[in-house]
Structures are given as C-alpha cells and as structure tokens.
C-alpha cells in the first residue's frame, strides 16, 4: 500500500477553481500564451489515434482536451485530480466521448499496471514534497505500457535576468516544495523512477522545462 506523503494539491486550488482558467491564461500571456505551451507538451507526448492517455493533476482539463483530440474517438483520455471542484469545471468544459475525469491521488493511481500509452503532468510535480514526487513518478511508470512515454512539464530554475525577476513573483505563490524540486533535480527524479532515455528542453521563454522519459 502506498504511503501518501504529500496530498500534492494545496487546498486553495479547489477554492480557486472557477478563476483558474482566467488566471492561467493571463499569466501565460507574458510568455507566449498558454495554448502554445500546452501544445508543446502534446507534441512531446506524440499521442496517436487510439492511444490511452493519462493526465495527472489535470485541473480543468485544458491539456487533457488537446491530448484527447490527438487520441481520437477510438482512444481514451483520463484526467485525475484531487480537487473535485477542478474536475467539475473540467466536465463542464470538455465534452468529448473519450474523456473521463476521476478524483484520485497521483501517489496511488486507481489503474492497473500497463494501462496507458502516454502519461503527462503539467505544472503539478513541484506541488509535491520529495517522497510525494517519488511516489507519483513511480505510479506513472507503473501504469504505462512498455515503450510508453511520460511527459513532465514544470517550472525551471531561473538562470537569466528575466526569469529570475519573473520567478520572484512566482515564488510568492509557491511553497518550499518548488525549491526542493530544483535542489534535488526533476531530471534525476524521473531517472530514479525507472524511466530511460530522458530528454528535456526549455519552454515558455526559459521559465519551464519539458522532460520526456520512456518506460
């Protein structure tokens, strides 16, 4: 039985669910737009028609809808989140037959081994403490089929003047789990979860990195 260590989703996300899309859209306006960022994740995931795709901490389902469009009506796109308020918003927004929203903890996914071709997590891993991140990444590895891909998109340690200035604002809204993820290294943690051939590239004008690992 997995020991839940982080809960990974802060309570205020549920309370702010109705404002979440508006806030994210406007925040991303300064770094090239949200849809462009999300499409970069979809491209990295290389979702094909008929694929079964899992989006961890799916929020209101913006990324999930894009993944589902690539999987097509013969595929399956499942979004899990701990916030029922976020999931309710997603169900109202995404009306696609292949999409399903499920309330679940990323540390204990309610799916059988090797259930999915692709698994994604966008701006979620840094919300978890170190044991929580390890559990969630291990669970993503478990539910992927052999040869399946995991795509992790998250905040990157700032290394330029614009990103350092911008991250000062972001840090006002974040907890110390973000600093711990930077300290330990998301790349390292993805490797420790058992993924191979891990690659990463910079996105969102240097504020984010996208890692892709294969099971």
N, C-alpha and C. Protein backbone atom coordinates (compact mmCIF):
# COMPACT_ATOMS: atom_id res chain seq x y z
N UNK A 1 0.85 -1.20 0.00
CA UNK A 1 0.00 0.00 0.00
C UNK A 1 0.88 1.24 0.00
N UNK A 2 0.64 2.15 -0.91
CA UNK A 2 1.43 3.37 -1.00
C UNK A 2 1.18 4.27 0.20
N UNK A 3 2.23 4.79 0.80
CA UNK A 3 2.09 5.77 1.88
C UNK A 3 1.94 7.15 1.26
N UNK A 4 0.78 7.77 1.46
CA UNK A 4 0.55 9.10 0.90
C UNK A 4 1.30 10.13 1.74
N UNK A 5 2.16 10.84 1.12
CA UNK A 5 3.02 11.76 1.86
C UNK A 5 2.73 13.22 1.60
N UNK A 6 2.16 13.55 0.46
CA UNK A 6 2.11 14.97 0.09
C UNK A 6 0.71 15.51 -0.11
N UNK A 7 -0.23 14.68 -0.56
CA UNK A 7 -1.51 15.23 -0.96
C UNK A 7 -1.40 16.03 -2.23
N UNK A 8 -0.25 16.46 -2.56
CA UNK A 8 0.24 17.12 -3.77
C UNK A 8 -0.56 18.29 -4.29
N UNK A 9 -1.79 18.48 -3.79
CA UNK A 9 -2.58 19.60 -4.29
C UNK A 9 -2.97 20.46 -3.10
N UNK A 10 -2.56 21.70 -3.10
CA UNK A 10 -2.92 22.58 -1.99
C UNK A 10 -4.41 22.91 -2.02
N UNK A 11 -5.00 23.08 -0.85
CA UNK A 11 -6.45 23.25 -0.74
C UNK A 11 -6.97 24.44 -1.53
N UNK A 12 -6.14 25.49 -1.64
CA UNK A 12 -6.65 26.69 -2.30
C UNK A 12 -6.94 26.49 -3.78
N UNK A 13 -6.38 25.45 -4.40
CA UNK A 13 -6.68 25.20 -5.80
C UNK A 13 -8.15 24.88 -5.99
N UNK A 14 -8.73 24.13 -5.07
CA UNK A 14 -10.15 23.84 -5.16
C UNK A 14 -10.99 25.08 -4.99
N UNK A 15 -10.59 25.92 -4.06
CA UNK A 15 -11.36 27.15 -3.81
C UNK A 15 -11.27 28.12 -4.98
N UNK A 16 -10.19 28.06 -5.74
CA UNK A 16 -9.99 28.99 -6.84
C UNK A 16 -10.33 28.39 -8.21
N UNK A 17 -10.99 27.24 -8.20
CA UNK A 17 -11.24 26.52 -9.46
C UNK A 17 -11.96 27.37 -10.49
N UNK A 18 -12.94 28.14 -10.05
CA UNK A 18 -13.73 28.92 -11.00
C UNK A 18 -12.93 30.06 -11.64
N UNK A 19 -11.79 30.44 -11.02
CA UNK A 19 -10.97 31.51 -11.55
C UNK A 19 -9.68 31.00 -12.20
N UNK A 20 -9.48 29.69 -12.13
CA UNK A 20 -8.20 29.12 -12.53
C UNK A 20 -7.87 29.38 -13.99
N UNK A 21 -8.79 29.08 -14.89
CA UNK A 21 -8.51 29.25 -16.32
C UNK A 21 -8.19 30.70 -16.66
N UNK A 22 -8.94 31.63 -16.07
CA UNK A 22 -8.70 33.05 -16.32
C UNK A 22 -7.30 33.45 -15.85
N UNK A 23 -6.95 33.01 -14.65
CA UNK A 23 -5.64 33.36 -14.11
C UNK A 23 -4.49 32.79 -14.92
N UNK A 24 -4.61 31.51 -15.31
CA UNK A 24 -3.54 30.88 -16.09
C UNK A 24 -3.40 31.52 -17.46
N UNK A 25 -4.52 31.78 -18.10
CA UNK A 25 -4.48 32.40 -19.42
C UNK A 25 -3.75 33.73 -19.39
N UNK A 26 -4.03 34.54 -18.38
CA UNK A 26 -3.41 35.85 -18.31
C UNK A 26 -1.95 35.76 -17.87
N UNK A 27 -1.62 34.80 -17.02
CA UNK A 27 -0.23 34.63 -16.61
C UNK A 27 0.64 34.21 -17.79
N UNK A 28 0.12 33.33 -18.62
CA UNK A 28 0.88 32.82 -19.76
C UNK A 28 0.96 33.83 -20.90
N UNK A 29 0.15 34.86 -20.86
CA UNK A 29 0.16 35.87 -21.92
C UNK A 29 1.55 36.51 -22.04
N UNK A 30 2.27 36.57 -20.93
CA UNK A 30 3.58 37.22 -20.92
C UNK A 30 4.70 36.31 -21.42
N UNK A 31 4.41 35.04 -21.61
CA UNK A 31 5.47 34.11 -22.02
C UNK A 31 5.06 33.27 -23.22
N UNK A 32 4.25 33.88 -24.11
CA UNK A 32 3.95 33.22 -25.36
C UNK A 32 2.60 32.56 -25.46
N UNK A 33 1.81 32.56 -24.38
CA UNK A 33 0.46 32.01 -24.45
C UNK A 33 0.36 30.59 -23.91
N UNK A 34 -0.76 30.32 -23.26
CA UNK A 34 -0.96 29.00 -22.64
C UNK A 34 -1.09 27.89 -23.66
N UNK A 35 -1.87 28.12 -24.73
CA UNK A 35 -2.13 27.05 -25.69
C UNK A 35 -0.84 26.61 -26.38
N UNK A 36 0.03 27.57 -26.70
CA UNK A 36 1.30 27.20 -27.30
C UNK A 36 2.12 26.32 -26.37
N UNK A 37 2.12 26.64 -25.09
CA UNK A 37 2.83 25.83 -24.10
C UNK A 37 2.23 24.44 -24.01
N UNK A 38 0.89 24.37 -23.92
CA UNK A 38 0.22 23.07 -23.83
C UNK A 38 0.45 22.24 -25.11
N UNK A 39 0.41 22.88 -26.25
CA UNK A 39 0.64 22.15 -27.50
C UNK A 39 2.04 21.58 -27.57
N UNK A 40 3.00 22.26 -26.96
CA UNK A 40 4.35 21.73 -26.90
C UNK A 40 4.40 20.43 -26.11
N UNK A 41 3.60 20.32 -25.06
CA UNK A 41 3.53 19.09 -24.28
C UNK A 41 2.91 17.98 -25.11
N UNK A 42 1.84 18.32 -25.82
CA UNK A 42 1.16 17.33 -26.68
C UNK A 42 2.12 16.82 -27.75
N UNK A 43 2.86 17.73 -28.35
CA UNK A 43 3.82 17.33 -29.39
C UNK A 43 4.88 16.40 -28.81
N UNK A 44 5.38 16.72 -27.61
CA UNK A 44 6.38 15.87 -26.97
C UNK A 44 5.82 14.49 -26.64
N UNK A 45 4.53 14.43 -26.31
CA UNK A 45 3.91 13.16 -25.96
C UNK A 45 3.67 12.26 -27.17
N UNK A 46 3.61 12.85 -28.35
CA UNK A 46 3.45 12.07 -29.58
C UNK A 46 2.24 11.13 -29.47
N UNK A 47 1.11 11.68 -29.12
CA UNK A 47 -0.11 10.89 -28.97
C UNK A 47 -0.66 10.51 -30.34
N UNK A 48 -1.01 9.26 -30.50
CA UNK A 48 -1.52 8.72 -31.77
C UNK A 48 -2.99 8.33 -31.62
N UNK A 49 -3.72 8.28 -32.74
CA UNK A 49 -5.12 7.82 -32.67
C UNK A 49 -5.22 6.44 -32.01
N UNK A 50 -6.15 6.31 -31.10
CA UNK A 50 -6.35 5.05 -30.40
C UNK A 50 -5.56 4.91 -29.12
N UNK A 51 -4.65 5.84 -28.85
CA UNK A 51 -3.86 5.77 -27.62
C UNK A 51 -4.72 6.00 -26.38
N UNK A 52 -4.30 5.40 -25.28
CA UNK A 52 -4.87 5.67 -23.97
C UNK A 52 -3.91 6.61 -23.25
N UNK A 53 -4.42 7.76 -22.82
CA UNK A 53 -3.57 8.83 -22.27
C UNK A 53 -4.06 9.21 -20.89
N UNK A 54 -3.12 9.42 -19.98
CA UNK A 54 -3.42 9.86 -18.62
C UNK A 54 -2.80 11.22 -18.36
N UNK A 55 -3.59 12.16 -17.84
CA UNK A 55 -3.06 13.46 -17.44
C UNK A 55 -3.20 13.58 -15.93
N UNK A 56 -2.07 13.64 -15.24
CA UNK A 56 -2.02 13.69 -13.78
C UNK A 56 -2.16 15.13 -13.32
N UNK A 57 -3.04 15.34 -12.32
CA UNK A 57 -3.33 16.70 -11.84
C UNK A 57 -3.83 17.54 -13.00
N UNK A 58 -4.91 17.08 -13.61
CA UNK A 58 -5.39 17.66 -14.87
C UNK A 58 -6.06 19.01 -14.71
N UNK A 59 -6.39 19.41 -13.47
CA UNK A 59 -7.06 20.69 -13.29
C UNK A 59 -8.39 20.74 -14.02
N UNK A 60 -8.59 21.78 -14.80
CA UNK A 60 -9.85 21.95 -15.51
C UNK A 60 -9.84 21.32 -16.90
N UNK A 61 -8.78 20.61 -17.24
CA UNK A 61 -8.80 19.78 -18.44
C UNK A 61 -8.34 20.43 -19.73
N UNK A 62 -7.67 21.56 -19.67
CA UNK A 62 -7.21 22.21 -20.91
C UNK A 62 -6.25 21.31 -21.68
N UNK A 63 -5.22 20.80 -21.00
CA UNK A 63 -4.28 19.89 -21.66
C UNK A 63 -4.95 18.58 -22.04
N UNK A 64 -5.81 18.08 -21.17
CA UNK A 64 -6.49 16.81 -21.43
C UNK A 64 -7.29 16.85 -22.72
N UNK A 65 -7.95 17.97 -22.99
CA UNK A 65 -8.73 18.09 -24.22
C UNK A 65 -7.84 18.02 -25.45
N UNK A 66 -6.67 18.62 -25.39
CA UNK A 66 -5.75 18.58 -26.52
C UNK A 66 -5.22 17.16 -26.73
N UNK A 67 -4.91 16.47 -25.64
CA UNK A 67 -4.46 15.08 -25.73
C UNK A 67 -5.55 14.20 -26.31
N UNK A 68 -6.79 14.42 -25.86
CA UNK A 68 -7.92 13.62 -26.32
C UNK A 68 -8.17 13.81 -27.80
N UNK A 69 -7.98 15.03 -28.29
CA UNK A 69 -8.18 15.29 -29.72
C UNK A 69 -7.20 14.48 -30.55
N UNK A 70 -5.98 14.31 -30.05
CA UNK A 70 -4.99 13.51 -30.77
C UNK A 70 -5.30 12.02 -30.67
N UNK A 71 -5.80 11.57 -29.53
CA UNK A 71 -6.14 10.16 -29.34
C UNK A 71 -7.36 9.77 -30.17
N UNK A 72 -8.23 10.73 -30.42
CA UNK A 72 -9.40 10.49 -31.26
C UNK A 72 -10.49 9.69 -30.55
N UNK A 73 -11.62 9.51 -31.22
CA UNK A 73 -12.76 8.82 -30.59
C UNK A 73 -12.50 7.37 -30.25
N UNK A 74 -11.50 6.76 -30.87
CA UNK A 74 -11.16 5.36 -30.55
C UNK A 74 -10.15 5.27 -29.41
N UNK A 75 -9.67 6.40 -28.94
CA UNK A 75 -8.73 6.43 -27.84
C UNK A 75 -9.43 6.66 -26.52
N UNK A 76 -8.62 6.92 -25.49
CA UNK A 76 -9.15 7.19 -24.15
C UNK A 76 -8.25 8.23 -23.51
N UNK A 77 -8.84 9.25 -22.92
CA UNK A 77 -8.09 10.31 -22.25
C UNK A 77 -8.66 10.49 -20.85
N UNK A 78 -7.86 10.17 -19.85
CA UNK A 78 -8.30 10.22 -18.46
C UNK A 78 -7.53 11.32 -17.73
N UNK A 79 -8.25 12.16 -17.03
CA UNK A 79 -7.63 13.17 -16.19
C UNK A 79 -7.91 12.87 -14.73
N UNK A 80 -6.86 12.89 -13.90
CA UNK A 80 -7.08 12.70 -12.46
C UNK A 80 -6.64 13.95 -11.72
N UNK A 81 -7.35 14.23 -10.66
CA UNK A 81 -7.04 15.40 -9.84
C UNK A 81 -7.63 15.16 -8.46
N UNK A 82 -7.03 15.75 -7.43
CA UNK A 82 -7.58 15.62 -6.08
C UNK A 82 -8.67 16.64 -5.80
N UNK A 83 -8.76 17.68 -6.63
CA UNK A 83 -9.75 18.72 -6.41
C UNK A 83 -11.03 18.42 -7.20
N UNK A 84 -12.09 18.09 -6.49
CA UNK A 84 -13.36 17.82 -7.16
C UNK A 84 -13.89 19.08 -7.84
N UNK A 85 -13.59 20.25 -7.27
CA UNK A 85 -14.03 21.50 -7.90
C UNK A 85 -13.37 21.68 -9.27
N UNK A 86 -12.09 21.37 -9.37
CA UNK A 86 -11.40 21.44 -10.66
C UNK A 86 -12.02 20.46 -11.65
N UNK A 87 -12.29 19.25 -11.18
CA UNK A 87 -12.87 18.24 -12.05
C UNK A 87 -14.26 18.63 -12.55
N UNK A 88 -15.03 19.25 -11.69
CA UNK A 88 -16.36 19.71 -12.10
C UNK A 88 -16.25 20.75 -13.22
N UNK A 89 -15.30 21.66 -13.08
CA UNK A 89 -15.08 22.64 -14.13
C UNK A 89 -14.67 21.94 -15.43
N UNK A 90 -13.82 20.94 -15.31
CA UNK A 90 -13.38 20.21 -16.49
C UNK A 90 -14.51 19.49 -17.19
N UNK A 91 -15.39 18.86 -16.42
CA UNK A 91 -16.52 18.14 -17.02
C UNK A 91 -17.45 19.09 -17.76
N UNK A 92 -17.58 20.30 -17.24
CA UNK A 92 -18.42 21.29 -17.91
C UNK A 92 -17.77 21.81 -19.19
N UNK A 93 -16.45 21.86 -19.19
CA UNK A 93 -15.71 22.47 -20.31
C UNK A 93 -15.41 21.48 -21.43
N UNK A 94 -15.06 20.26 -21.07
CA UNK A 94 -14.62 19.28 -22.06
C UNK A 94 -15.72 18.26 -22.30
N UNK A 95 -16.35 18.33 -23.44
CA UNK A 95 -17.45 17.42 -23.79
C UNK A 95 -16.99 16.53 -24.94
N UNK A 96 -16.21 15.52 -24.61
CA UNK A 96 -15.69 14.58 -25.61
C UNK A 96 -15.92 13.17 -25.09
N UNK A 97 -16.38 12.30 -25.95
CA UNK A 97 -16.77 10.96 -25.51
C UNK A 97 -15.60 10.16 -24.96
N UNK A 98 -14.40 10.43 -25.42
CA UNK A 98 -13.23 9.66 -24.99
C UNK A 98 -12.59 10.19 -23.71
N UNK A 99 -13.16 11.25 -23.13
CA UNK A 99 -12.58 11.90 -21.96
C UNK A 99 -13.30 11.46 -20.68
N UNK A 100 -12.51 11.23 -19.65
CA UNK A 100 -13.05 10.87 -18.34
C UNK A 100 -12.26 11.59 -17.26
N UNK A 101 -12.98 12.18 -16.30
CA UNK A 101 -12.37 12.86 -15.16
C UNK A 101 -12.59 12.03 -13.91
N UNK A 102 -11.51 11.77 -13.16
CA UNK A 102 -11.58 10.92 -11.97
C UNK A 102 -10.86 11.61 -10.81
N UNK A 103 -11.50 11.64 -9.66
CA UNK A 103 -10.85 12.18 -8.47
C UNK A 103 -9.92 11.11 -7.90
N UNK A 104 -8.64 11.40 -7.83
CA UNK A 104 -7.67 10.43 -7.36
C UNK A 104 -6.38 11.14 -6.97
N UNK A 105 -5.58 10.45 -6.17
CA UNK A 105 -4.27 10.95 -5.73
C UNK A 105 -3.21 10.40 -6.67
N UNK A 106 -2.33 11.25 -7.12
CA UNK A 106 -1.26 10.83 -8.04
C UNK A 106 -0.34 9.79 -7.41
N UNK A 107 -0.31 9.73 -6.08
CA UNK A 107 0.56 8.78 -5.40
C UNK A 107 -0.03 7.37 -5.34
N UNK A 108 -1.27 7.22 -5.73
CA UNK A 108 -1.92 5.91 -5.66
C UNK A 108 -2.96 5.84 -6.78
N UNK A 109 -2.50 5.74 -8.01
CA UNK A 109 -3.38 5.80 -9.17
C UNK A 109 -4.30 4.58 -9.22
N UNK A 110 -5.59 4.79 -9.46
CA UNK A 110 -6.55 3.68 -9.44
C UNK A 110 -6.65 2.95 -10.78
N UNK A 111 -5.49 2.56 -11.32
CA UNK A 111 -5.45 1.90 -12.62
C UNK A 111 -4.52 0.69 -12.55
N UNK A 112 -4.81 -0.28 -13.38
CA UNK A 112 -3.98 -1.47 -13.45
C UNK A 112 -2.63 -1.16 -14.07
N UNK A 113 -1.66 -2.02 -13.83
CA UNK A 113 -0.36 -1.89 -14.48
C UNK A 113 -0.53 -1.86 -16.00
N UNK A 114 0.30 -1.05 -16.66
CA UNK A 114 0.37 -1.01 -18.13
C UNK A 114 -0.98 -0.70 -18.77
N UNK A 115 -1.66 0.33 -18.24
CA UNK A 115 -2.98 0.72 -18.74
C UNK A 115 -2.92 1.82 -19.80
N UNK A 116 -1.81 2.57 -19.86
CA UNK A 116 -1.77 3.76 -20.71
C UNK A 116 -0.54 3.76 -21.63
N UNK A 117 -0.75 4.40 -22.79
CA UNK A 117 0.35 4.59 -23.74
C UNK A 117 1.16 5.84 -23.43
N UNK A 118 0.51 6.83 -22.84
CA UNK A 118 1.16 8.10 -22.53
C UNK A 118 0.65 8.59 -21.17
N UNK A 119 1.53 9.30 -20.45
CA UNK A 119 1.14 9.93 -19.19
C UNK A 119 1.80 11.30 -19.13
N UNK A 120 1.05 12.29 -18.71
CA UNK A 120 1.57 13.66 -18.64
C UNK A 120 1.29 14.25 -17.26
N UNK A 121 2.10 15.24 -16.89
CA UNK A 121 1.86 16.03 -15.69
C UNK A 121 2.40 17.43 -15.97
N UNK A 122 1.55 18.41 -15.91
CA UNK A 122 1.93 19.77 -16.26
C UNK A 122 1.79 20.69 -15.06
N UNK A 123 2.91 21.26 -14.62
CA UNK A 123 2.93 22.22 -13.52
C UNK A 123 2.31 21.64 -12.25
N UNK A 124 2.56 20.35 -12.03
CA UNK A 124 1.99 19.66 -10.87
C UNK A 124 3.04 19.07 -9.96
N UNK A 125 4.12 18.55 -10.51
CA UNK A 125 5.10 17.83 -9.73
C UNK A 125 5.72 18.71 -8.64
N UNK A 126 5.91 19.99 -8.94
CA UNK A 126 6.55 20.86 -7.95
C UNK A 126 5.66 21.14 -6.75
N UNK A 127 4.38 20.78 -6.81
CA UNK A 127 3.48 20.96 -5.67
C UNK A 127 3.67 19.86 -4.62
N UNK A 128 4.42 18.80 -4.96
CA UNK A 128 4.59 17.66 -4.08
C UNK A 128 5.92 17.77 -3.32
N UNK A 129 5.94 17.20 -2.10
CA UNK A 129 7.22 17.09 -1.42
C UNK A 129 8.02 15.96 -2.05
N UNK A 130 9.26 15.76 -1.58
CA UNK A 130 10.15 14.82 -2.26
C UNK A 130 9.61 13.38 -2.26
N UNK A 131 9.15 12.85 -1.13
CA UNK A 131 8.58 11.50 -1.18
C UNK A 131 7.33 11.43 -2.06
N UNK A 132 6.54 12.49 -2.05
CA UNK A 132 5.36 12.51 -2.90
C UNK A 132 5.70 12.49 -4.37
N UNK A 133 6.74 13.24 -4.75
CA UNK A 133 7.17 13.23 -6.14
C UNK A 133 7.64 11.83 -6.56
N UNK A 134 8.39 11.19 -5.67
CA UNK A 134 8.88 9.84 -5.98
C UNK A 134 7.71 8.87 -6.16
N UNK A 135 6.72 8.96 -5.28
CA UNK A 135 5.55 8.09 -5.39
C UNK A 135 4.79 8.33 -6.69
N UNK A 136 4.56 9.61 -7.00
CA UNK A 136 3.78 9.94 -8.20
C UNK A 136 4.49 9.50 -9.47
N UNK A 137 5.78 9.73 -9.55
CA UNK A 137 6.54 9.33 -10.74
C UNK A 137 6.59 7.81 -10.87
N UNK A 138 6.71 7.12 -9.74
CA UNK A 138 6.70 5.66 -9.77
C UNK A 138 5.36 5.14 -10.24
N UNK A 139 4.29 5.79 -9.83
CA UNK A 139 2.95 5.38 -10.25
C UNK A 139 2.74 5.63 -11.75
N UNK A 140 3.24 6.74 -12.25
CA UNK A 140 3.14 7.00 -13.68
C UNK A 140 3.90 5.93 -14.46
N UNK A 141 5.06 5.55 -13.95
CA UNK A 141 5.84 4.49 -14.60
C UNK A 141 5.08 3.17 -14.57
N UNK A 142 4.45 2.87 -13.45
CA UNK A 142 3.73 1.60 -13.30
C UNK A 142 2.58 1.47 -14.29
N UNK A 143 1.80 2.53 -14.47
CA UNK A 143 0.59 2.41 -15.30
C UNK A 143 0.88 2.54 -16.80
N UNK A 144 2.12 2.90 -17.16
CA UNK A 144 2.48 2.99 -18.58
C UNK A 144 2.78 1.60 -19.15
N UNK A 145 2.42 1.42 -20.40
CA UNK A 145 2.79 0.21 -21.12
C UNK A 145 4.28 0.25 -21.45
N UNK A 146 4.91 -0.90 -21.65
CA UNK A 146 6.31 -0.88 -22.10
C UNK A 146 6.46 -0.07 -23.38
N UNK A 147 7.43 0.81 -23.40
CA UNK A 147 7.60 1.70 -24.55
C UNK A 147 6.78 2.97 -24.46
N UNK A 148 5.92 3.08 -23.44
CA UNK A 148 5.12 4.28 -23.25
C UNK A 148 5.95 5.47 -22.81
N UNK A 149 5.41 6.65 -23.01
CA UNK A 149 6.13 7.89 -22.69
C UNK A 149 5.46 8.65 -21.57
N UNK A 150 6.29 9.22 -20.70
CA UNK A 150 5.82 10.17 -19.70
C UNK A 150 6.38 11.54 -20.06
N UNK A 151 5.54 12.56 -20.00
CA UNK A 151 5.97 13.93 -20.29
C UNK A 151 5.68 14.78 -19.06
N UNK A 152 6.74 15.36 -18.50
CA UNK A 152 6.62 16.21 -17.31
C UNK A 152 7.01 17.63 -17.69
N UNK A 153 6.10 18.56 -17.50
CA UNK A 153 6.39 19.97 -17.76
C UNK A 153 6.27 20.73 -16.46
N UNK A 154 7.32 21.45 -16.10
CA UNK A 154 7.28 22.13 -14.80
C UNK A 154 8.20 23.36 -14.80
N UNK A 155 8.14 24.09 -13.70
CA UNK A 155 8.93 25.30 -13.55
C UNK A 155 10.42 24.97 -13.50
N UNK A 156 11.19 25.80 -14.16
CA UNK A 156 12.63 25.59 -14.28
C UNK A 156 13.37 26.59 -13.41
N UNK A 157 14.47 26.16 -12.83
CA UNK A 157 15.26 27.08 -12.02
C UNK A 157 15.71 28.26 -12.88
N UNK A 158 15.44 29.50 -12.48
CA UNK A 158 15.77 30.66 -13.31
C UNK A 158 17.28 30.85 -13.45
N UNK A 159 17.70 31.21 -14.67
CA UNK A 159 19.13 31.40 -14.90
C UNK A 159 19.43 32.60 -15.78
N UNK A 160 18.43 33.43 -16.02
CA UNK A 160 18.62 34.67 -16.76
C UNK A 160 17.97 35.80 -15.98
N UNK A 161 18.29 37.03 -16.33
CA UNK A 161 17.69 38.17 -15.61
C UNK A 161 16.17 38.16 -15.71
N UNK A 162 15.57 37.98 -16.92
CA UNK A 162 14.11 37.96 -17.00
C UNK A 162 13.47 36.84 -16.18
N UNK A 163 14.06 35.62 -16.24
CA UNK A 163 13.45 34.53 -15.48
C UNK A 163 13.64 34.69 -13.98
N UNK A 164 14.76 35.26 -13.57
CA UNK A 164 14.98 35.49 -12.15
C UNK A 164 13.98 36.53 -11.62
N UNK A 165 13.75 37.59 -12.40
CA UNK A 165 12.79 38.60 -11.97
C UNK A 165 11.37 38.04 -11.95
N UNK A 166 11.03 37.30 -13.01
CA UNK A 166 9.69 36.71 -13.08
C UNK A 166 9.46 35.69 -11.99
N UNK A 167 10.48 34.91 -11.66
CA UNK A 167 10.33 33.88 -10.65
C UNK A 167 10.17 34.46 -9.26
N UNK A 168 10.62 35.68 -9.05
CA UNK A 168 10.38 36.32 -7.75
C UNK A 168 8.89 36.45 -7.49
N UNK A 169 8.14 36.76 -8.53
CA UNK A 169 6.69 36.86 -8.40
C UNK A 169 6.08 35.48 -8.19
N UNK A 170 6.53 34.52 -9.00
CA UNK A 170 6.00 33.15 -8.90
C UNK A 170 6.24 32.59 -7.50
N UNK A 171 7.44 32.86 -6.94
CA UNK A 171 7.78 32.29 -5.64
C UNK A 171 6.87 32.81 -4.52
N UNK A 172 6.24 33.95 -4.72
CA UNK A 172 5.31 34.48 -3.74
C UNK A 172 4.08 33.59 -3.61
N UNK A 173 3.81 32.80 -4.66
CA UNK A 173 2.63 31.95 -4.69
C UNK A 173 2.94 30.48 -4.43
N UNK A 174 4.22 30.15 -4.32
CA UNK A 174 4.63 28.76 -4.21
C UNK A 174 5.12 28.41 -2.80
N UNK A 175 5.29 27.11 -2.56
CA UNK A 175 5.80 26.63 -1.28
C UNK A 175 7.25 26.16 -1.46
N UNK A 176 7.85 25.67 -0.39
CA UNK A 176 9.24 25.24 -0.47
C UNK A 176 9.42 23.94 -1.24
N UNK A 177 8.33 23.29 -1.64
CA UNK A 177 8.47 22.08 -2.45
C UNK A 177 9.08 22.41 -3.81
N UNK A 178 8.85 23.62 -4.31
CA UNK A 178 9.45 24.03 -5.58
C UNK A 178 10.96 24.11 -5.44
N UNK A 179 11.43 24.76 -4.39
CA UNK A 179 12.87 24.87 -4.16
C UNK A 179 13.50 23.49 -3.98
N UNK A 180 12.79 22.61 -3.30
CA UNK A 180 13.32 21.26 -3.09
C UNK A 180 13.42 20.49 -4.41
N UNK A 181 12.44 20.68 -5.28
CA UNK A 181 12.50 20.01 -6.59
C UNK A 181 13.70 20.51 -7.38
N UNK A 182 13.94 21.82 -7.34
CA UNK A 182 15.12 22.36 -8.03
C UNK A 182 16.39 21.82 -7.41
N UNK A 183 16.43 21.72 -6.10
CA UNK A 183 17.63 21.26 -5.41
C UNK A 183 17.95 19.80 -5.73
N UNK A 184 16.93 18.98 -5.71
CA UNK A 184 17.15 17.54 -5.95
C UNK A 184 17.25 17.24 -7.43
N UNK A 185 16.49 17.98 -8.24
CA UNK A 185 16.55 17.82 -9.69
C UNK A 185 15.45 16.93 -10.24
N UNK A 186 14.53 17.52 -11.00
CA UNK A 186 13.44 16.74 -11.58
C UNK A 186 13.98 15.69 -12.55
N UNK A 187 14.99 16.05 -13.32
CA UNK A 187 15.60 15.08 -14.24
C UNK A 187 16.07 13.85 -13.47
N UNK A 188 16.76 14.08 -12.39
CA UNK A 188 17.26 12.98 -11.55
C UNK A 188 16.11 12.14 -11.04
N UNK A 189 15.04 12.77 -10.60
CA UNK A 189 13.91 12.04 -10.03
C UNK A 189 13.18 11.21 -11.08
N UNK A 190 13.10 11.72 -12.29
CA UNK A 190 12.49 10.95 -13.37
C UNK A 190 13.33 9.71 -13.68
N UNK A 191 14.62 9.86 -13.68
CA UNK A 191 15.51 8.73 -13.90
C UNK A 191 15.37 7.71 -12.77
N UNK A 192 15.31 8.19 -11.53
CA UNK A 192 15.19 7.30 -10.38
C UNK A 192 13.87 6.53 -10.38
N UNK A 193 12.86 7.07 -11.04
CA UNK A 193 11.56 6.38 -11.13
C UNK A 193 11.59 5.23 -12.13
N UNK A 194 12.68 5.11 -12.88
CA UNK A 194 12.82 3.99 -13.79
C UNK A 194 12.70 4.31 -15.26
N UNK A 195 12.53 5.58 -15.59
CA UNK A 195 12.41 5.96 -16.99
C UNK A 195 13.78 5.99 -17.65
N UNK A 196 13.80 5.71 -18.94
CA UNK A 196 15.06 5.68 -19.68
C UNK A 196 15.04 6.70 -20.81
N UNK A 197 16.22 7.00 -21.34
CA UNK A 197 16.33 7.92 -22.47
C UNK A 197 15.70 9.26 -22.21
N UNK A 198 15.82 9.76 -20.98
CA UNK A 198 15.13 11.00 -20.61
C UNK A 198 15.77 12.19 -21.33
N UNK A 199 14.92 12.97 -21.98
CA UNK A 199 15.36 14.19 -22.65
C UNK A 199 14.62 15.37 -22.04
N UNK A 200 15.17 16.56 -22.22
CA UNK A 200 14.48 17.74 -21.73
C UNK A 200 14.79 18.93 -22.62
N UNK A 201 13.83 19.84 -22.71
CA UNK A 201 14.07 21.06 -23.45
C UNK A 201 13.39 22.23 -22.74
N UNK A 202 13.87 23.40 -23.00
CA UNK A 202 13.37 24.61 -22.37
C UNK A 202 12.13 25.10 -23.11
N UNK A 203 11.16 25.60 -22.37
CA UNK A 203 9.91 26.10 -22.95
C UNK A 203 9.51 27.38 -22.23
N UNK A 204 8.50 28.05 -22.79
CA UNK A 204 7.94 29.24 -22.15
C UNK A 204 8.96 30.31 -21.84
N UNK A 205 9.83 30.60 -22.84
CA UNK A 205 10.83 31.66 -22.71
C UNK A 205 11.74 31.46 -21.50
N UNK A 206 12.04 30.20 -21.22
CA UNK A 206 13.00 29.88 -20.19
C UNK A 206 12.42 29.63 -18.81
N UNK A 207 11.12 29.79 -18.64
CA UNK A 207 10.50 29.58 -17.34
C UNK A 207 10.19 28.12 -17.04
N UNK A 208 10.12 27.30 -18.08
CA UNK A 208 9.72 25.91 -17.91
C UNK A 208 10.69 24.97 -18.59
N UNK A 209 10.64 23.70 -18.15
CA UNK A 209 11.33 22.65 -18.87
C UNK A 209 10.35 21.51 -19.08
N UNK A 210 10.53 20.80 -20.18
CA UNK A 210 9.69 19.66 -20.52
C UNK A 210 10.59 18.43 -20.61
N UNK A 211 10.32 17.44 -19.77
CA UNK A 211 11.10 16.22 -19.75
C UNK A 211 10.27 15.08 -20.33
N UNK A 212 10.90 14.24 -21.14
CA UNK A 212 10.24 13.09 -21.72
C UNK A 212 11.05 11.85 -21.38
N UNK A 213 10.40 10.86 -20.78
CA UNK A 213 11.05 9.61 -20.44
C UNK A 213 10.27 8.43 -20.96
N UNK A 214 10.96 7.37 -21.29
CA UNK A 214 10.32 6.17 -21.83
C UNK A 214 10.37 5.03 -20.82
N UNK A 215 9.29 4.26 -20.74
CA UNK A 215 9.28 3.10 -19.86
C UNK A 215 9.97 1.93 -20.57
